[in-house]
Amino acid sequence: MRAQGSGAVVMMSSAGGQLSFAGFSAYSATKFALEGYTEALADEVAPFWIRVLVVEPGAFRTGLFGPGAAYFSTETPAYAETAGATRRMVENSDGTQPGDPAKAAAAIRAALEADRTPLRLPLGGAAVDAVLGHLDEVRADVIDWEKIARANTFD
C-alpha cells in the first residue's frame, strides 16, 4: 500500500470500543485497545494516502450470539442484576438483532469511497445513540472537572 500510494485498512471494532457496560468488560477491553492502535496507525500511514477506518457496529445478525460463538462462564448470583442482565440479552437475542450485515457492508464501502473517510463509523441506530450519549457524558465530566483537571502543573 505504501508503494502504490493508496489503500485502506478496515478494523472491525464495536460500539463497545467507545463505551462499555456490565457483562462486556473483557470484550470491550479488546475493542478499546484496537481503537487506540488504529488511531495511531491512521497517523502513521496518512502520508502514504492509506485510509484507515474503525467500524463500530451495534447488534447485527452475524452469529456472534449464536450457538458455539458466545461462551458463558458460570453465573455469579451477586451480578444477576448487572452482568446477568447482559448475559440474558445475549442468550435471547440471536437472530433478532436489528442490524443487517449487507447494509453494514454497503455503509463501510461508502465510507471508504468518500472524499474524507471517517476514522470511526458507528453502525446501527443503537450504536450511534450509545456513542453520542457516551461522548456527551465524557464531555460533561471534563467540563465539570476542568478547573481541577487543569490545575496540576508546577507553580
N, C-alpha and C. Protein backbone atom coordinates (compact mmCIF):
# COMPACT_ATOMS: atom_id res chain seq x y z
N MET A 1 0.82 -1.19 0.00
CA MET A 1 0.00 0.00 0.00
C MET A 1 0.87 1.26 0.00
N ARG A 2 1.96 1.21 0.76
CA ARG A 2 2.87 2.37 0.74
C ARG A 2 3.42 2.58 -0.66
N ALA A 3 3.86 1.52 -1.30
CA ALA A 3 4.48 1.62 -2.62
C ALA A 3 3.51 2.17 -3.66
N GLN A 4 2.25 1.77 -3.56
CA GLN A 4 1.28 2.24 -4.55
C GLN A 4 0.65 3.58 -4.17
N GLY A 5 0.90 4.04 -2.95
CA GLY A 5 0.39 5.34 -2.51
C GLY A 5 -1.10 5.37 -2.28
N SER A 6 -1.66 4.22 -1.95
CA SER A 6 -3.09 4.17 -1.65
C SER A 6 -3.43 2.84 -1.00
N GLY A 7 -4.63 2.77 -0.49
CA GLY A 7 -5.10 1.54 0.13
C GLY A 7 -6.02 1.87 1.29
N ALA A 8 -6.51 0.84 1.92
CA ALA A 8 -7.41 1.02 3.05
C ALA A 8 -7.22 -0.11 4.05
N VAL A 9 -7.30 0.25 5.31
CA VAL A 9 -7.28 -0.71 6.40
C VAL A 9 -8.60 -0.54 7.14
N VAL A 10 -9.35 -1.61 7.27
CA VAL A 10 -10.63 -1.57 7.98
C VAL A 10 -10.50 -2.44 9.22
N MET A 11 -10.70 -1.85 10.36
CA MET A 11 -10.66 -2.57 11.63
C MET A 11 -12.09 -2.77 12.12
N MET A 12 -12.43 -4.00 12.44
CA MET A 12 -13.77 -4.28 12.95
C MET A 12 -13.75 -4.20 14.47
N SER A 13 -14.31 -3.14 14.97
CA SER A 13 -14.41 -2.93 16.40
C SER A 13 -15.86 -3.18 16.81
N SER A 14 -16.41 -2.28 17.57
CA SER A 14 -17.77 -2.40 18.09
C SER A 14 -18.11 -1.08 18.74
N ALA A 15 -19.39 -0.83 18.94
CA ALA A 15 -19.75 0.31 19.78
C ALA A 15 -19.07 0.13 21.13
N GLY A 16 -18.79 -1.12 21.50
CA GLY A 16 -18.07 -1.43 22.73
C GLY A 16 -16.62 -1.01 22.70
N GLY A 17 -16.16 -0.43 21.63
CA GLY A 17 -14.82 0.16 21.57
C GLY A 17 -14.82 1.61 22.01
N GLN A 18 -16.01 2.18 22.16
CA GLN A 18 -16.16 3.56 22.62
C GLN A 18 -16.71 3.64 24.04
N LEU A 19 -17.44 2.63 24.44
CA LEU A 19 -18.06 2.61 25.76
C LEU A 19 -18.27 1.16 26.17
N SER A 20 -18.49 0.94 27.43
CA SER A 20 -18.73 -0.42 27.88
C SER A 20 -19.83 -0.44 28.91
N PHE A 21 -20.23 -1.63 29.26
CA PHE A 21 -21.27 -1.80 30.27
C PHE A 21 -21.12 -3.18 30.90
N ALA A 22 -21.83 -3.39 31.98
CA ALA A 22 -21.71 -4.62 32.76
C ALA A 22 -21.87 -5.85 31.86
N GLY A 23 -20.96 -6.78 32.04
CA GLY A 23 -21.01 -8.02 31.30
C GLY A 23 -20.16 -8.03 30.04
N PHE A 24 -19.63 -6.89 29.65
CA PHE A 24 -18.83 -6.80 28.44
C PHE A 24 -17.43 -6.26 28.70
N SER A 25 -16.95 -6.34 29.91
CA SER A 25 -15.66 -5.73 30.24
C SER A 25 -14.51 -6.30 29.43
N ALA A 26 -14.38 -7.60 29.35
CA ALA A 26 -13.26 -8.20 28.62
C ALA A 26 -13.40 -7.93 27.12
N TYR A 27 -14.61 -8.06 26.59
CA TYR A 27 -14.85 -7.80 25.18
C TYR A 27 -14.48 -6.35 24.85
N SER A 28 -14.99 -5.42 25.65
CA SER A 28 -14.72 -4.02 25.38
C SER A 28 -13.25 -3.67 25.55
N ALA A 29 -12.58 -4.31 26.47
CA ALA A 29 -11.14 -4.04 26.65
C ALA A 29 -10.38 -4.31 25.36
N THR A 30 -10.73 -5.38 24.67
CA THR A 30 -10.05 -5.68 23.42
C THR A 30 -10.40 -4.65 22.35
N LYS A 31 -11.62 -4.19 22.35
CA LYS A 31 -12.05 -3.20 21.35
C LYS A 31 -11.45 -1.83 21.64
N PHE A 32 -11.34 -1.45 22.91
CA PHE A 32 -10.68 -0.20 23.27
C PHE A 32 -9.23 -0.23 22.78
N ALA A 33 -8.56 -1.35 23.00
CA ALA A 33 -7.16 -1.49 22.56
C ALA A 33 -7.06 -1.38 21.04
N LEU A 34 -7.95 -2.04 20.33
CA LEU A 34 -7.96 -1.97 18.88
C LEU A 34 -8.14 -0.54 18.39
N GLU A 35 -9.00 0.20 19.04
CA GLU A 35 -9.26 1.57 18.63
C GLU A 35 -8.06 2.48 18.88
N GLY A 36 -7.38 2.29 20.00
CA GLY A 36 -6.17 3.07 20.26
C GLY A 36 -5.09 2.76 19.25
N TYR A 37 -4.92 1.49 18.96
CA TYR A 37 -3.95 1.06 17.96
C TYR A 37 -4.26 1.70 16.61
N THR A 38 -5.54 1.69 16.25
CA THR A 38 -5.96 2.18 14.96
C THR A 38 -5.79 3.69 14.84
N GLU A 39 -6.03 4.43 15.93
CA GLU A 39 -5.80 5.88 15.89
C GLU A 39 -4.34 6.17 15.54
N ALA A 40 -3.43 5.47 16.18
CA ALA A 40 -2.01 5.67 15.89
C ALA A 40 -1.67 5.23 14.47
N LEU A 41 -2.19 4.09 14.06
CA LEU A 41 -1.94 3.59 12.71
C LEU A 41 -2.39 4.60 11.66
N ALA A 42 -3.55 5.20 11.87
CA ALA A 42 -4.07 6.18 10.91
C ALA A 42 -3.08 7.33 10.73
N ASP A 43 -2.49 7.81 11.82
CA ASP A 43 -1.49 8.89 11.72
C ASP A 43 -0.22 8.40 11.03
N GLU A 44 0.15 7.17 11.30
CA GLU A 44 1.39 6.62 10.73
C GLU A 44 1.32 6.43 9.23
N VAL A 45 0.16 6.05 8.71
CA VAL A 45 0.06 5.74 7.28
C VAL A 45 -0.58 6.86 6.46
N ALA A 46 -1.04 7.92 7.11
CA ALA A 46 -1.66 9.03 6.37
C ALA A 46 -0.76 9.61 5.29
N PRO A 47 0.56 9.77 5.53
CA PRO A 47 1.40 10.33 4.47
C PRO A 47 1.46 9.47 3.20
N PHE A 48 1.03 8.22 3.30
CA PHE A 48 1.06 7.31 2.16
C PHE A 48 -0.31 7.20 1.49
N TRP A 49 -1.25 8.07 1.89
CA TRP A 49 -2.60 8.08 1.32
C TRP A 49 -3.34 6.77 1.57
N ILE A 50 -3.06 6.17 2.72
CA ILE A 50 -3.76 4.94 3.11
C ILE A 50 -4.88 5.34 4.07
N ARG A 51 -6.09 4.95 3.73
CA ARG A 51 -7.25 5.26 4.56
C ARG A 51 -7.37 4.22 5.67
N VAL A 52 -7.76 4.66 6.84
CA VAL A 52 -7.96 3.75 7.97
C VAL A 52 -9.35 4.03 8.55
N LEU A 53 -10.09 2.97 8.76
CA LEU A 53 -11.46 3.07 9.23
C LEU A 53 -11.69 2.07 10.35
N VAL A 54 -12.27 2.53 11.44
CA VAL A 54 -12.69 1.66 12.54
C VAL A 54 -14.21 1.55 12.45
N VAL A 55 -14.71 0.36 12.26
CA VAL A 55 -16.15 0.12 12.18
C VAL A 55 -16.64 -0.25 13.57
N GLU A 56 -17.67 0.45 14.03
CA GLU A 56 -18.20 0.26 15.39
C GLU A 56 -19.68 -0.15 15.33
N PRO A 57 -19.94 -1.38 14.93
CA PRO A 57 -21.34 -1.81 14.83
C PRO A 57 -21.97 -2.06 16.18
N GLY A 58 -23.28 -1.93 16.18
CA GLY A 58 -24.08 -2.37 17.31
C GLY A 58 -24.43 -3.82 17.08
N ALA A 59 -25.65 -4.18 17.38
CA ALA A 59 -26.09 -5.58 17.25
C ALA A 59 -26.51 -5.88 15.81
N PHE A 60 -25.76 -6.76 15.17
CA PHE A 60 -26.06 -7.20 13.81
C PHE A 60 -26.24 -8.71 13.81
N ARG A 61 -26.99 -9.21 12.87
CA ARG A 61 -27.25 -10.65 12.77
C ARG A 61 -26.06 -11.35 12.09
N THR A 62 -25.02 -11.55 12.88
CA THR A 62 -23.80 -12.14 12.35
C THR A 62 -23.47 -13.50 12.94
N GLY A 63 -24.22 -13.96 13.90
CA GLY A 63 -23.90 -15.21 14.56
C GLY A 63 -23.06 -15.04 15.81
N LEU A 64 -22.70 -13.79 16.14
CA LEU A 64 -21.87 -13.54 17.32
C LEU A 64 -22.52 -14.08 18.59
N PHE A 65 -23.83 -14.02 18.67
CA PHE A 65 -24.53 -14.50 19.86
C PHE A 65 -25.07 -15.92 19.67
N GLY A 66 -24.72 -16.57 18.57
CA GLY A 66 -25.26 -17.88 18.25
C GLY A 66 -24.59 -19.01 19.00
N PRO A 67 -25.15 -20.20 18.84
CA PRO A 67 -24.58 -21.38 19.49
C PRO A 67 -23.12 -21.59 19.10
N GLY A 68 -22.28 -21.80 20.07
CA GLY A 68 -20.86 -22.03 19.82
C GLY A 68 -20.03 -20.77 19.70
N ALA A 69 -20.66 -19.64 19.48
CA ALA A 69 -19.90 -18.40 19.33
C ALA A 69 -19.76 -17.67 20.67
N ALA A 70 -20.82 -17.65 21.44
CA ALA A 70 -20.80 -16.98 22.73
C ALA A 70 -20.49 -18.00 23.83
N TYR A 71 -19.51 -17.67 24.64
CA TYR A 71 -19.13 -18.55 25.75
C TYR A 71 -19.67 -17.96 27.04
N PHE A 72 -20.31 -18.78 27.85
CA PHE A 72 -20.86 -18.33 29.12
C PHE A 72 -20.19 -19.07 30.26
N SER A 73 -19.53 -18.35 31.13
CA SER A 73 -18.97 -18.95 32.34
C SER A 73 -20.11 -19.15 33.34
N THR A 74 -19.80 -19.77 34.45
CA THR A 74 -20.81 -19.98 35.48
C THR A 74 -21.28 -18.63 36.00
N GLU A 75 -22.58 -18.46 36.05
CA GLU A 75 -23.13 -17.19 36.50
C GLU A 75 -22.95 -17.03 38.01
N THR A 76 -22.59 -15.83 38.42
CA THR A 76 -22.44 -15.49 39.83
C THR A 76 -23.68 -14.71 40.27
N PRO A 77 -24.45 -15.24 41.22
CA PRO A 77 -25.70 -14.59 41.63
C PRO A 77 -25.54 -13.12 42.04
N ALA A 78 -24.40 -12.75 42.60
CA ALA A 78 -24.20 -11.37 43.03
C ALA A 78 -24.29 -10.38 41.86
N TYR A 79 -24.07 -10.86 40.65
CA TYR A 79 -24.09 -9.99 39.47
C TYR A 79 -25.32 -10.20 38.60
N ALA A 80 -26.34 -10.84 39.15
CA ALA A 80 -27.54 -11.16 38.37
C ALA A 80 -28.20 -9.93 37.77
N GLU A 81 -28.18 -8.82 38.49
CA GLU A 81 -28.85 -7.60 38.02
C GLU A 81 -27.98 -6.77 37.08
N THR A 82 -26.69 -6.98 37.07
CA THR A 82 -25.80 -6.18 36.22
C THR A 82 -25.34 -7.02 35.03
N ALA A 83 -24.27 -7.76 35.21
CA ALA A 83 -23.76 -8.60 34.13
C ALA A 83 -24.77 -9.67 33.74
N GLY A 84 -25.57 -10.12 34.68
CA GLY A 84 -26.59 -11.13 34.38
C GLY A 84 -27.63 -10.63 33.39
N ALA A 85 -28.00 -9.37 33.49
CA ALA A 85 -28.96 -8.80 32.53
C ALA A 85 -28.37 -8.80 31.12
N THR A 86 -27.12 -8.48 31.01
CA THR A 86 -26.45 -8.51 29.71
C THR A 86 -26.37 -9.94 29.20
N ARG A 87 -26.06 -10.86 30.08
CA ARG A 87 -25.99 -12.28 29.71
C ARG A 87 -27.32 -12.73 29.11
N ARG A 88 -28.42 -12.39 29.76
CA ARG A 88 -29.73 -12.80 29.27
C ARG A 88 -30.04 -12.14 27.92
N MET A 89 -29.60 -10.91 27.73
CA MET A 89 -29.79 -10.25 26.44
C MET A 89 -29.06 -11.03 25.34
N VAL A 90 -27.84 -11.44 25.60
CA VAL A 90 -27.06 -12.20 24.62
C VAL A 90 -27.72 -13.56 24.37
N GLU A 91 -28.12 -14.24 25.44
CA GLU A 91 -28.72 -15.57 25.32
C GLU A 91 -30.02 -15.55 24.50
N ASN A 92 -30.73 -14.43 24.57
CA ASN A 92 -32.07 -14.38 23.97
C ASN A 92 -32.18 -13.56 22.69
N SER A 93 -31.10 -13.01 22.19
CA SER A 93 -31.25 -12.11 21.05
C SER A 93 -30.70 -12.64 19.74
N ASP A 94 -30.10 -13.84 19.74
CA ASP A 94 -29.56 -14.36 18.49
C ASP A 94 -30.66 -14.46 17.43
N GLY A 95 -30.41 -13.88 16.28
CA GLY A 95 -31.37 -13.92 15.19
C GLY A 95 -32.40 -12.82 15.21
N THR A 96 -32.39 -12.00 16.25
CA THR A 96 -33.35 -10.89 16.32
C THR A 96 -32.66 -9.53 16.34
N GLN A 97 -31.34 -9.51 16.22
CA GLN A 97 -30.62 -8.23 16.22
C GLN A 97 -31.12 -7.39 15.05
N PRO A 98 -31.21 -6.07 15.24
CA PRO A 98 -31.78 -5.22 14.20
C PRO A 98 -30.85 -4.96 13.00
N GLY A 99 -29.56 -5.14 13.17
CA GLY A 99 -28.61 -4.78 12.12
C GLY A 99 -28.55 -5.77 10.98
N ASP A 100 -28.54 -5.23 9.75
CA ASP A 100 -28.44 -6.03 8.52
C ASP A 100 -26.99 -6.01 8.04
N PRO A 101 -26.28 -7.13 8.06
CA PRO A 101 -24.88 -7.16 7.64
C PRO A 101 -24.64 -6.65 6.22
N ALA A 102 -25.57 -6.90 5.30
CA ALA A 102 -25.39 -6.42 3.92
C ALA A 102 -25.41 -4.90 3.88
N LYS A 103 -26.30 -4.28 4.66
CA LYS A 103 -26.35 -2.82 4.71
C LYS A 103 -25.11 -2.26 5.39
N ALA A 104 -24.59 -2.98 6.37
CA ALA A 104 -23.34 -2.55 7.03
C ALA A 104 -22.20 -2.56 6.03
N ALA A 105 -22.12 -3.61 5.22
CA ALA A 105 -21.06 -3.69 4.21
C ALA A 105 -21.15 -2.53 3.23
N ALA A 106 -22.37 -2.17 2.83
CA ALA A 106 -22.54 -1.03 1.91
C ALA A 106 -22.12 0.28 2.58
N ALA A 107 -22.41 0.44 3.86
CA ALA A 107 -22.01 1.65 4.57
C ALA A 107 -20.49 1.74 4.69
N ILE A 108 -19.84 0.62 4.94
CA ILE A 108 -18.37 0.59 5.02
C ILE A 108 -17.77 0.98 3.68
N ARG A 109 -18.31 0.41 2.63
CA ARG A 109 -17.81 0.74 1.29
C ARG A 109 -17.99 2.22 0.99
N ALA A 110 -19.16 2.77 1.34
CA ALA A 110 -19.41 4.19 1.12
C ALA A 110 -18.41 5.06 1.90
N ALA A 111 -18.11 4.67 3.11
CA ALA A 111 -17.14 5.44 3.92
C ALA A 111 -15.76 5.40 3.28
N LEU A 112 -15.38 4.26 2.74
CA LEU A 112 -14.06 4.14 2.11
C LEU A 112 -13.98 4.88 0.78
N GLU A 113 -15.11 5.05 0.12
CA GLU A 113 -15.14 5.74 -1.17
C GLU A 113 -15.38 7.25 -1.03
N ALA A 114 -15.68 7.71 0.18
CA ALA A 114 -15.95 9.13 0.41
C ALA A 114 -14.68 9.96 0.23
N ASP A 115 -14.86 11.24 -0.04
CA ASP A 115 -13.71 12.13 -0.17
C ASP A 115 -12.90 12.15 1.12
N ARG A 116 -13.59 12.07 2.25
CA ARG A 116 -12.92 12.01 3.54
C ARG A 116 -13.48 10.82 4.31
N THR A 117 -12.69 9.77 4.39
CA THR A 117 -13.10 8.59 5.15
C THR A 117 -13.03 8.94 6.63
N PRO A 118 -14.11 8.69 7.38
CA PRO A 118 -14.03 8.96 8.82
C PRO A 118 -13.10 7.96 9.50
N LEU A 119 -12.52 8.35 10.62
CA LEU A 119 -11.73 7.38 11.38
C LEU A 119 -12.65 6.33 11.99
N ARG A 120 -13.80 6.77 12.48
CA ARG A 120 -14.74 5.86 13.13
C ARG A 120 -16.08 5.90 12.42
N LEU A 121 -16.71 4.74 12.33
CA LEU A 121 -18.04 4.64 11.73
C LEU A 121 -18.92 3.74 12.59
N PRO A 122 -19.71 4.34 13.52
CA PRO A 122 -20.66 3.51 14.25
C PRO A 122 -21.78 3.10 13.30
N LEU A 123 -22.26 1.89 13.43
CA LEU A 123 -23.30 1.39 12.54
C LEU A 123 -24.49 0.88 13.34
N GLY A 124 -25.66 1.30 12.92
CA GLY A 124 -26.90 0.93 13.59
C GLY A 124 -27.35 2.04 14.51
N GLY A 125 -28.65 2.24 14.57
CA GLY A 125 -29.20 3.32 15.38
C GLY A 125 -28.80 3.25 16.84
N ALA A 126 -28.83 2.06 17.41
CA ALA A 126 -28.47 1.91 18.83
C ALA A 126 -27.00 2.25 19.06
N ALA A 127 -26.14 1.87 18.12
CA ALA A 127 -24.71 2.18 18.25
C ALA A 127 -24.48 3.68 18.16
N VAL A 128 -25.13 4.33 17.21
CA VAL A 128 -24.98 5.78 17.07
C VAL A 128 -25.47 6.48 18.34
N ASP A 129 -26.63 6.08 18.83
CA ASP A 129 -27.17 6.68 20.06
C ASP A 129 -26.25 6.45 21.25
N ALA A 130 -25.72 5.23 21.38
CA ALA A 130 -24.84 4.91 22.51
C ALA A 130 -23.55 5.71 22.45
N VAL A 131 -22.94 5.79 21.27
CA VAL A 131 -21.68 6.53 21.13
C VAL A 131 -21.91 8.02 21.40
N LEU A 132 -22.96 8.60 20.82
CA LEU A 132 -23.23 10.02 21.06
C LEU A 132 -23.53 10.29 22.54
N GLY A 133 -24.31 9.41 23.16
CA GLY A 133 -24.60 9.57 24.58
C GLY A 133 -23.35 9.49 25.43
N HIS A 134 -22.48 8.55 25.09
CA HIS A 134 -21.22 8.41 25.82
C HIS A 134 -20.35 9.64 25.64
N LEU A 135 -20.26 10.15 24.42
CA LEU A 135 -19.46 11.35 24.19
C LEU A 135 -20.01 12.53 24.98
N ASP A 136 -21.33 12.65 25.07
CA ASP A 136 -21.94 13.72 25.87
C ASP A 136 -21.57 13.57 27.34
N GLU A 137 -21.57 12.33 27.86
CA GLU A 137 -21.20 12.09 29.26
C GLU A 137 -19.74 12.44 29.51
N VAL A 138 -18.86 12.03 28.60
CA VAL A 138 -17.44 12.33 28.76
C VAL A 138 -17.22 13.84 28.75
N ARG A 139 -17.84 14.52 27.80
CA ARG A 139 -17.70 15.97 27.70
C ARG A 139 -18.20 16.65 28.98
N ALA A 140 -19.34 16.22 29.49
CA ALA A 140 -19.89 16.81 30.71
C ALA A 140 -18.94 16.60 31.89
N ASP A 141 -18.36 15.41 32.02
CA ASP A 141 -17.41 15.15 33.11
C ASP A 141 -16.18 16.04 32.99
N VAL A 142 -15.65 16.17 31.79
CA VAL A 142 -14.45 17.00 31.61
C VAL A 142 -14.77 18.46 31.93
N ILE A 143 -15.90 18.95 31.46
CA ILE A 143 -16.27 20.34 31.74
C ILE A 143 -16.48 20.55 33.23
N ASP A 144 -17.19 19.62 33.88
CA ASP A 144 -17.44 19.74 35.33
C ASP A 144 -16.14 19.75 36.14
N TRP A 145 -15.14 19.03 35.69
CA TRP A 145 -13.90 18.88 36.43
C TRP A 145 -12.73 19.62 35.78
N GLU A 146 -13.01 20.45 34.80
CA GLU A 146 -11.95 21.10 34.03
C GLU A 146 -11.01 21.93 34.90
N LYS A 147 -11.55 22.71 35.81
CA LYS A 147 -10.70 23.57 36.63
C LYS A 147 -9.71 22.73 37.44
N ILE A 148 -10.18 21.70 38.09
CA ILE A 148 -9.31 20.84 38.89
C ILE A 148 -8.37 20.04 37.98
N ALA A 149 -8.89 19.57 36.86
CA ALA A 149 -8.08 18.78 35.94
C ALA A 149 -6.92 19.59 35.37
N ARG A 150 -7.13 20.88 35.14
CA ARG A 150 -6.07 21.73 34.58
C ARG A 150 -5.08 22.21 35.64
N ALA A 151 -5.46 22.18 36.89
CA ALA A 151 -4.65 22.77 37.96
C ALA A 151 -3.63 21.78 38.53
N ASN A 152 -2.90 21.11 37.66
CA ASN A 152 -1.96 20.10 38.12
C ASN A 152 -0.55 20.32 37.60
N THR A 153 -0.24 21.57 37.36
CA THR A 153 1.12 21.88 36.90
C THR A 153 1.88 22.57 38.01
N PHE A 154 3.19 22.51 37.94
CA PHE A 154 4.02 23.19 38.93
C PHE A 154 3.77 24.69 38.87
N ASP A 155 3.78 25.33 40.04
CA ASP A 155 3.62 26.79 40.09
C ASP A 155 4.92 27.47 39.72
